[in-house]
Amino acid sequence: MAFSFSTIFKSKKGITPSEEILKIEFKGGTKFAKNNTNEVYLDIEELGGFPFVKTIIIGDFSTKIKRVGCTLTFIFENASVTLNSDNTDIESNKIKNSSIYYTEIDFELNDEEAEKIKAEKVLEVQYTFKNKTYTFKTL
């Protein structure tokens, strides 16, 4: 058997983020929306009598934001609701042994907004980080 640097440094077959996401079994939320390379898990929860939206983005999306936070917009047939993130510092965490990231973001909302989101059909959700918007179609 001959020694060869080409076998050591040969590039491995690339797995796309979409293929890796299919392998992940995430049970920490309700799958709500997705785009080509990311999935959004979203639940409306309550803490101390106040509702909030808990979201998790799993996919190739990665960010690190300090002091400005982000917004989440729910797009309905004839209206929209925009929420501000509960925390102004947002950071993605890489999932071990993969090219996939996990980003958890909570959003403040009031009872009226919670009822609208639960009652009406949401067509898509949009996250806005600084000046960049990511759109996800609901499932």
Protein backbone atom coordinates (compact mmCIF):
# COMPACT_ATOMS: atom_id res chain seq x y z
CA MET A 1 0.00 0.00 0.00
CA ALA A 2 1.48 3.30 -1.07
CA PHE A 3 1.30 6.50 0.96
CA SER A 4 -0.29 9.44 -0.80
CA PHE A 5 -1.05 12.98 0.32
CA SER A 6 -3.91 13.16 -2.18
CA THR A 7 -5.86 10.51 -0.26
CA ILE A 8 -5.36 12.37 3.01
CA PHE A 9 -6.35 15.79 1.68
CA LYS A 10 -9.02 14.62 -0.76
CA SER A 11 -12.16 16.70 -0.40
CA LYS A 12 -15.04 14.90 1.20
CA LYS A 13 -18.35 14.62 -0.59
CA GLY A 14 -20.33 17.72 0.31
CA ILE A 15 -23.69 17.38 1.97
CA THR A 16 -26.06 20.28 1.40
CA PRO A 17 -27.70 21.97 4.40
CA SER A 18 -31.10 20.78 3.11
CA GLU A 19 -29.94 17.16 3.33
CA GLU A 20 -28.52 17.68 6.81
CA ILE A 21 -31.72 19.33 8.07
CA LEU A 22 -33.71 16.25 7.06
CA LYS A 23 -31.54 14.14 9.40
CA ILE A 24 -32.23 16.38 12.41
CA GLU A 25 -35.09 15.33 14.67
CA PHE A 26 -35.86 18.48 16.65
CA LYS A 27 -38.55 18.07 19.29
CA GLY A 28 -38.21 21.46 21.02
CA GLY A 29 -40.98 23.22 19.13
CA THR A 30 -43.61 23.11 16.41
CA LYS A 31 -42.34 23.24 12.83
CA PHE A 32 -44.00 26.38 11.48
CA ALA A 33 -42.24 27.59 8.32
CA LYS A 34 -39.28 26.96 6.03
CA ASN A 35 -37.28 28.19 3.08
CA ASN A 36 -34.75 26.34 0.90
CA THR A 37 -32.08 25.88 3.56
CA ASN A 38 -33.70 26.68 6.94
CA GLU A 39 -36.63 25.62 9.11
CA VAL A 40 -38.46 27.74 11.69
CA TYR A 41 -39.94 26.23 14.83
CA LEU A 42 -42.42 28.58 16.53
CA ASP A 43 -44.61 28.40 19.62
CA ILE A 44 -46.63 31.00 21.51
CA GLU A 45 -45.94 30.50 25.21
CA GLU A 46 -46.73 32.31 28.42
CA LEU A 47 -44.44 33.37 31.25
CA GLY A 48 -45.79 35.09 34.34
CA GLY A 49 -49.11 35.71 32.60
CA PHE A 50 -47.49 37.44 29.62
CA PRO A 51 -47.43 35.81 26.16
CA PHE A 52 -44.28 35.63 24.06
CA VAL A 53 -43.22 33.95 20.82
CA LYS A 54 -40.41 31.41 21.06
CA THR A 55 -38.71 30.78 17.71
CA ILE A 56 -35.82 28.60 16.64
CA ILE A 57 -34.18 28.72 13.22
CA ILE A 58 -32.30 25.57 12.19
CA GLY A 59 -30.30 25.58 8.97
CA ASP A 60 -27.42 27.33 7.26
CA PHE A 61 -28.50 30.73 8.64
CA SER A 62 -25.93 32.15 11.07
CA THR A 63 -25.76 35.55 12.77
CA LYS A 64 -24.21 37.41 15.67
CA ILE A 65 -25.93 40.69 16.53
CA LYS A 66 -25.23 42.99 19.46
CA ARG A 67 -27.45 45.78 20.82
CA VAL A 68 -30.02 45.97 18.00
CA GLY A 69 -31.93 42.68 18.05
CA CYS A 70 -34.27 41.82 15.20
CA THR A 71 -37.93 41.86 14.18
CA LEU A 72 -40.35 39.11 13.21
CA THR A 73 -43.23 39.96 10.87
CA PHE A 74 -46.26 37.71 10.41
CA ILE A 75 -47.81 38.29 6.97
CA PHE A 76 -51.58 37.65 6.72
CA GLU A 77 -53.96 37.99 3.74
CA ASN A 78 -54.66 41.71 4.33
CA ALA A 79 -52.49 42.67 7.29
CA SER A 80 -49.25 42.05 9.13
CA VAL A 81 -47.96 42.02 12.71
CA THR A 82 -44.36 42.99 13.52
CA LEU A 83 -42.75 41.95 16.81
CA ASN A 84 -39.46 43.04 18.36
CA SER A 85 -37.01 40.53 19.79
CA ASP A 86 -37.00 40.19 23.56
CA ASN A 87 -33.19 40.27 23.68
CA THR A 88 -30.99 42.67 21.70
CA ASP A 89 -28.07 40.21 21.51
CA ILE A 90 -28.65 37.31 19.10
CA GLU A 91 -26.13 34.60 18.32
CA SER A 92 -26.29 31.36 16.32
CA ASN A 93 -24.73 28.17 17.64
CA LYS A 94 -23.22 25.55 15.36
CA ILE A 95 -24.58 22.03 15.72
CA LYS A 96 -21.72 19.64 16.41
CA ASN A 97 -20.30 17.69 13.43
CA SER A 98 -22.45 19.49 10.85
CA SER A 99 -22.70 22.68 8.84
CA ILE A 100 -26.04 23.53 10.46
CA TYR A 101 -26.70 26.34 12.94
CA TYR A 102 -29.28 26.72 15.72
CA THR A 103 -30.59 30.25 16.45
CA GLU A 104 -33.07 30.77 19.28
CA ILE A 105 -34.96 34.09 19.46
CA ASP A 106 -37.87 35.14 21.69
CA PHE A 107 -40.25 37.96 20.78
CA GLU A 108 -42.48 40.15 22.92
CA LEU A 109 -46.18 40.32 22.09
CA ASN A 110 -49.45 41.32 23.71
CA ASP A 111 -52.70 39.35 24.06
CA GLU A 112 -54.26 41.01 20.99
CA GLU A 113 -51.31 40.09 18.76
CA ALA A 114 -51.27 36.53 20.14
CA GLU A 115 -54.97 36.06 19.30
CA LYS A 116 -54.51 37.44 15.77
CA ILE A 117 -51.60 35.06 15.10
CA LYS A 118 -53.58 32.09 16.44
CA ALA A 119 -56.87 32.99 14.69
CA GLU A 120 -55.78 34.12 11.22
CA LYS A 121 -53.93 32.19 8.53
CA VAL A 122 -50.28 33.22 8.43
CA LEU A 123 -48.97 33.16 4.83
CA GLU A 124 -45.31 33.79 5.63
CA VAL A 125 -42.97 35.04 8.32
CA GLN A 126 -40.09 37.46 7.83
CA TYR A 127 -37.10 37.92 10.11
CA THR A 128 -35.24 41.22 9.74
CA PHE A 129 -31.68 41.33 11.08
CA LYS A 130 -30.15 44.80 10.77
CA ASN A 131 -31.05 45.56 7.12
CA LYS A 132 -31.34 41.99 5.83
CA THR A 133 -34.69 40.19 5.59
CA TYR A 134 -35.21 36.41 5.49
CA THR A 135 -38.58 35.10 4.31
CA PHE A 136 -40.10 31.74 5.27
CA LYS A 137 -43.28 30.16 3.88
CA THR A 138 -45.58 28.62 6.48
CA LEU A 139 -46.30 24.90 6.41
